[in-house]
Protein backbone atom coordinates (compact mmCIF):
# COMPACT_ATOMS: atom_id res chain seq x y z
CA MET A 1 -17.00 9.33 0.51
CA ILE A 2 -15.02 10.05 3.64
CA LYS A 3 -16.09 13.10 5.65
CA ASN A 4 -13.88 15.13 7.94
CA SER A 5 -14.19 14.29 11.59
CA LEU A 6 -11.78 14.03 14.48
CA LEU A 7 -14.28 12.45 16.82
CA THR A 8 -14.63 9.07 15.15
CA LEU A 9 -11.04 8.40 14.15
CA VAL A 10 -7.69 9.55 15.34
CA PHE A 11 -4.91 9.61 12.76
CA ILE A 12 -1.33 9.88 13.92
CA ILE A 13 1.59 10.53 11.61
CA SER A 14 4.18 7.80 11.35
CA PHE A 15 7.60 9.33 10.82
CA ASN A 16 9.82 6.30 10.55
CA ALA A 17 8.22 3.86 8.14
CA SER A 18 8.38 3.68 4.38
CA ALA A 19 5.38 1.70 3.23
CA TRP A 20 6.30 -1.75 1.89
CA TRP A 21 9.81 -0.32 1.83
CA ASP A 22 11.10 -0.09 -1.74
CA THR A 23 10.66 -3.69 -2.84
CA GLY A 24 6.91 -3.98 -2.39
CA HIS A 25 6.10 -0.61 -3.93
CA GLU A 26 8.34 -1.15 -6.92
CA MET A 27 6.87 -4.58 -7.56
CA VAL A 28 3.25 -3.40 -7.33
CA CYS A 29 3.85 -0.74 -9.95
CA SER A 30 6.27 -2.57 -12.25
CA GLU A 31 4.01 -5.62 -12.41
CA ALA A 32 0.96 -3.38 -12.92
CA TYR A 33 2.72 -1.72 -15.83
CA LYS A 34 3.10 -5.06 -17.59
CA LEU A 35 -0.68 -5.51 -17.42
CA LEU A 36 -1.49 -2.13 -18.95
CA SER A 37 -2.86 -1.90 -22.46
CA GLN A 38 -0.50 -0.46 -25.06
CA GLU A 39 -2.80 2.53 -25.40
CA THR A 40 -2.55 3.23 -21.66
CA LYS A 41 1.24 2.90 -21.72
CA THR A 42 1.42 5.42 -24.56
CA ILE A 43 -0.78 7.92 -22.72
CA ILE A 44 1.05 7.72 -19.40
CA LYS A 45 4.53 7.87 -20.94
CA PRO A 46 4.68 11.72 -20.69
CA LEU A 47 3.56 11.41 -17.07
CA LEU A 48 6.65 9.36 -16.26
CA GLN A 49 9.05 12.09 -17.36
CA GLY A 50 11.86 12.35 -14.82
CA GLN A 51 11.35 8.74 -13.67
CA GLU A 52 13.29 5.78 -15.02
CA THR A 53 10.34 3.40 -14.76
CA PHE A 54 6.79 3.36 -13.45
CA GLY A 55 8.01 1.02 -10.71
CA LEU A 56 10.55 3.55 -9.46
CA SER A 57 8.03 6.41 -9.72
CA CYS A 58 6.02 4.70 -7.00
CA LEU A 59 8.84 5.26 -4.50
CA TRP A 60 8.65 9.03 -4.91
CA ALA A 61 5.76 9.58 -2.46
CA ASP A 62 7.89 8.27 0.41
CA GLU A 63 10.95 10.21 -0.73
CA ILE A 64 9.21 13.60 -0.53
CA LYS A 65 7.57 13.18 2.90
CA GLN A 66 10.34 15.09 4.70
CA ASP A 67 9.96 18.17 2.54
CA ARG A 68 6.22 17.95 2.04
CA ARG A 69 5.07 17.21 5.54
CA ASP A 70 1.43 17.78 4.65
CA THR A 71 1.51 14.50 2.69
CA ARG A 72 2.64 12.32 5.59
CA ALA A 73 -0.86 11.49 6.80
CA TRP A 74 -1.84 10.45 3.28
CA HIS A 75 -0.11 7.07 3.61
CA TYR A 76 -2.37 5.32 6.09
CA ILE A 77 -5.81 5.16 7.62
CA ASN A 78 -5.95 4.12 11.27
CA LEU A 79 -9.09 2.77 12.91
CA SER A 80 -9.79 2.25 16.59
CA ASP A 81 -10.62 -1.25 17.77
CA ASP A 82 -14.33 -0.50 18.05
CA MET A 83 -14.44 0.52 14.38
CA GLN A 84 -13.62 -2.29 11.99
CA ASN A 85 -15.65 -1.17 8.96
CA THR A 86 -13.47 0.91 6.62
CA TYR A 87 -16.52 2.34 4.87
CA GLU A 88 -17.41 4.08 8.14
CA ALA A 89 -13.99 5.68 8.51
CA ARG A 90 -13.85 9.44 8.94
CA CYS A 91 -10.89 11.49 7.79
CA PRO A 92 -9.41 14.39 9.83
CA GLU A 93 -8.34 17.76 8.46
CA ASN A 94 -4.79 16.65 7.68
CA GLY A 95 -6.03 13.83 5.46
CA CYS A 96 -5.74 10.08 5.24
CA LEU A 97 -4.96 7.42 2.68
CA ILE A 98 -8.46 6.93 1.27
CA LYS A 99 -9.23 10.64 0.90
CA ALA A 100 -5.81 11.31 -0.61
CA PHE A 101 -6.39 8.52 -3.14
CA TYR A 102 -9.68 10.06 -4.28
CA ASP A 103 -8.20 13.56 -4.36
CA GLN A 104 -5.31 12.47 -6.57
CA LEU A 105 -7.65 10.46 -8.76
CA LYS A 106 -9.56 13.67 -9.51
CA VAL A 107 -6.33 15.39 -10.52
CA LEU A 108 -5.27 12.50 -12.75
CA ASN A 109 -8.67 12.50 -14.45
CA ASN A 110 -8.54 16.26 -15.04
CA LYS A 111 -7.15 16.70 -18.54
CA ASP A 112 -6.99 20.45 -17.98
CA ALA A 113 -4.61 20.13 -15.03
CA VAL A 114 -0.99 21.05 -15.65
CA ILE A 115 1.21 18.09 -16.53
CA LEU A 116 3.27 18.32 -13.32
CA GLU A 117 0.13 17.95 -11.22
CA ARG A 118 -1.01 14.95 -13.25
CA GLN A 119 2.46 13.41 -13.04
CA GLU A 120 2.48 13.66 -9.27
CA ALA A 121 -1.08 12.34 -9.11
CA LEU A 122 -0.02 9.23 -11.05
CA TRP A 123 2.97 8.67 -8.79
CA PHE A 124 0.87 9.18 -5.67
CA ILE A 125 -1.84 6.80 -6.86
CA GLY A 126 0.63 4.06 -7.68
CA HIS A 127 2.12 4.43 -4.22
CA PHE A 128 -1.24 4.60 -2.45
CA VAL A 129 -2.45 1.37 -4.05
CA GLY A 130 0.63 -0.29 -2.59
CA ASP A 131 0.04 1.30 0.80
CA ILE A 132 -3.57 0.19 1.10
CA HIS A 133 -2.58 -3.44 0.47
CA GLN A 134 -0.15 -3.44 3.43
CA PRO A 135 -2.17 -4.54 6.49
CA MET A 136 -0.43 -2.25 8.97
CA HIS A 137 -1.49 0.81 6.96
CA VAL A 138 -4.98 0.07 8.23
CA GLY A 139 -3.94 -0.37 11.84
CA TYR A 140 -4.55 1.31 15.19
CA PRO A 141 -3.97 5.03 15.78
CA GLU A 142 -2.58 4.63 19.29
CA ASP A 143 0.38 2.54 18.17
CA LEU A 144 1.00 4.33 14.85
CA GLY A 145 -0.10 1.37 12.76
CA GLY A 146 2.13 -1.06 14.64
CA ASN A 147 5.19 1.20 14.92
CA ARG A 148 4.86 1.15 18.72
CA HIS A 149 4.09 -2.57 18.85
CA GLN A 150 7.58 -3.68 19.82
CA LEU A 151 8.87 -7.08 18.65
CA THR A 152 12.03 -9.11 18.71
CA LEU A 153 13.45 -11.19 15.89
CA ASP A 154 14.96 -14.66 16.38
CA ASP A 155 18.44 -13.19 16.68
CA GLY A 156 17.37 -10.73 19.35
CA THR A 157 17.16 -7.74 17.02
CA LYS A 158 14.54 -5.21 18.10
CA THR A 159 11.87 -4.32 15.59
CA ASN A 160 8.17 -3.55 15.48
CA MET A 161 5.02 -4.86 13.85
CA HIS A 162 4.95 -2.20 11.15
CA LYS A 163 8.53 -2.88 10.09
CA VAL A 164 7.90 -6.59 9.97
CA TRP A 165 4.98 -6.18 7.57
CA ASP A 166 6.52 -3.30 5.67
CA GLY A 167 9.58 -5.19 4.57
CA GLN A 168 11.13 -7.67 6.99
CA ILE A 169 8.82 -10.48 5.90
CA ILE A 170 9.85 -9.80 2.31
CA GLU A 171 13.53 -9.68 3.27
CA HIS A 172 13.21 -12.95 5.19
CA ILE A 173 11.56 -14.78 2.28
CA GLU A 174 14.09 -13.35 -0.18
CA SER A 175 16.94 -14.55 2.06
CA LYS A 176 15.53 -18.10 1.86
CA ILE A 177 14.54 -18.34 -1.82
CA GLY A 178 16.35 -15.46 -3.46
CA VAL A 179 15.22 -12.07 -4.76
CA GLU A 180 14.39 -13.30 -8.24
CA GLU A 181 12.42 -16.28 -7.02
CA PHE A 182 10.36 -14.02 -4.76
CA ARG A 183 9.44 -11.93 -7.80
CA ILE A 184 8.64 -15.04 -9.81
CA GLN A 185 6.29 -16.25 -7.09
CA VAL A 186 4.49 -12.92 -7.06
CA GLN A 187 4.16 -13.13 -10.84
CA LYS A 188 2.64 -16.58 -10.46
CA LYS A 189 0.15 -15.13 -8.00
CA ILE A 190 -0.75 -12.47 -10.53
CA GLN A 191 -1.45 -15.09 -13.18
CA LEU A 192 -3.59 -16.94 -10.65
CA PHE A 193 -5.65 -13.87 -9.71
CA VAL A 194 -5.67 -11.80 -12.90
CA ASP A 195 -8.85 -13.28 -14.40
CA GLN A 196 -10.77 -13.23 -11.13
CA PRO A 197 -13.32 -10.44 -10.52
CA GLN A 198 -11.74 -7.62 -8.50
CA SER A 199 -13.33 -4.85 -6.50
CA THR A 200 -12.54 -1.39 -7.81
CA HIS A 201 -13.21 0.33 -4.48
CA ILE A 202 -10.27 1.31 -2.28
CA GLU A 203 -12.48 0.87 0.79
CA ASP A 204 -12.77 -2.83 -0.06
CA TRP A 205 -8.99 -3.12 -0.42
CA ALA A 206 -8.62 -1.36 2.92
CA GLN A 207 -11.13 -3.76 4.49
CA GLU A 208 -9.10 -6.75 3.30
CA SER A 209 -5.97 -5.29 4.88
CA ARG A 210 -7.81 -4.52 8.10
CA ASN A 211 -9.19 -8.06 8.26
CA ILE A 212 -5.70 -9.49 7.81
CA ALA A 213 -4.30 -7.22 10.52
CA MET A 214 -6.98 -8.44 12.92
CA LYS A 215 -6.29 -12.17 12.39
CA ASP A 216 -5.20 -14.08 15.46
CA SER A 217 -2.23 -15.49 13.53
CA VAL A 218 -0.87 -11.99 12.91
CA GLY A 219 -0.78 -11.21 16.63
CA TYR A 220 -1.40 -7.50 16.24
CA ARG A 221 -4.70 -7.19 18.04
CA GLY A 222 -4.15 -6.99 21.78
CA ASN A 223 -0.40 -6.66 21.21
CA SER A 224 -0.24 -10.44 21.55
CA LEU A 225 2.79 -11.13 19.33
CA LYS A 226 6.14 -10.63 21.06
CA VAL A 227 8.61 -12.49 18.82
CA ALA A 228 8.54 -12.33 15.03
CA SER A 229 10.18 -15.69 14.52
CA SER A 230 11.38 -17.26 11.29
CA GLU A 231 8.27 -19.44 11.43
CA TYR A 232 6.11 -16.33 11.69
CA MET A 233 7.82 -14.75 8.67
CA LYS A 234 7.45 -17.92 6.63
CA ALA A 235 3.80 -18.39 7.61
CA HIS A 236 2.88 -14.87 6.50
CA GLY A 237 5.13 -14.63 3.44
CA GLU A 238 2.41 -15.88 1.13
CA ILE A 239 -0.02 -13.23 2.37
CA THR A 240 2.56 -10.59 1.52
CA GLN A 241 2.94 -12.01 -1.97
CA ASP A 242 -0.85 -12.07 -2.37
CA ARG A 243 -1.14 -8.41 -1.39
CA ILE A 244 1.56 -7.30 -3.82
CA ALA A 245 -0.03 -9.33 -6.63
CA LEU A 246 -3.52 -7.99 -5.95
CA GLY A 247 -2.20 -4.44 -5.70
CA ALA A 248 -0.56 -4.79 -9.12
CA ILE A 249 -3.69 -6.20 -10.76
CA ARG A 250 -6.00 -3.58 -9.26
CA LEU A 251 -3.68 -0.71 -10.16
CA SER A 252 -3.56 -1.89 -13.76
CA VAL A 253 -7.34 -2.18 -13.91
CA LEU A 254 -7.70 1.31 -12.46
CA LEU A 255 -5.28 2.93 -14.91
CA ASN A 256 -6.70 1.11 -17.91
CA SER A 257 -10.18 2.26 -16.93
CA ILE A 258 -8.95 5.87 -16.82
CA PHE A 259 -6.80 6.01 -19.92
CA HIS A 260 -8.19 3.25 -22.12
CA PRO A 261 -11.79 2.61 -21.11
CA LYS A 262 -13.61 -0.18 -22.91
CA LYS A 263 -16.05 1.04 -25.52
């Protein structure tokens, strides 16, 4: 479990990024919902009150960051370059993604908690599973998880590494193959991965994202990438689809284990 310490890690709040933007978060949760047992769906139905769908409920955590500033640091976990092992991460007083995930999991598992608290816990958890599968949410503290890593698109538009991985890769792929086809491809990934053994530990999911962020092809480490070209977007589009698919599968496994555990 993560222990509080400011000496090992520095966490800096990112004010201008919505994780995975809306598309990725909605897809993680809506596809996870399809994989839930009927018993789990029945149990969580009251916890979705006030939300049109489970997919849309997973956007809520980004929507409330302005009013609930204490939750801003819950969306990421930043590691310095000399610390690559997410299991060794230490969380500061204002929190981090992994600690927030475990805290909300306790609330969701507490049947004596008031329904509003359990509702919010479910919405947070769905969002956090999406966040942890986005590589730049396990980035460096000094550049705000890639927000200060400035990039240029092919057309000269200014952007940054976090924005590229949060949504611009998705937007690029959708512009080439269409929104519906992007979703279909993610669904195919889910069918490919769904029967494979999956880790149930968020630290392992974080480690996967960190490892992706550190790949030479990503160009994040050492600030080596300068232009996020169409070729770059295309080359990393499949990774983005993989992360959404894995997030959906793992979220469904998590919720089924809570609400409809196997006898």
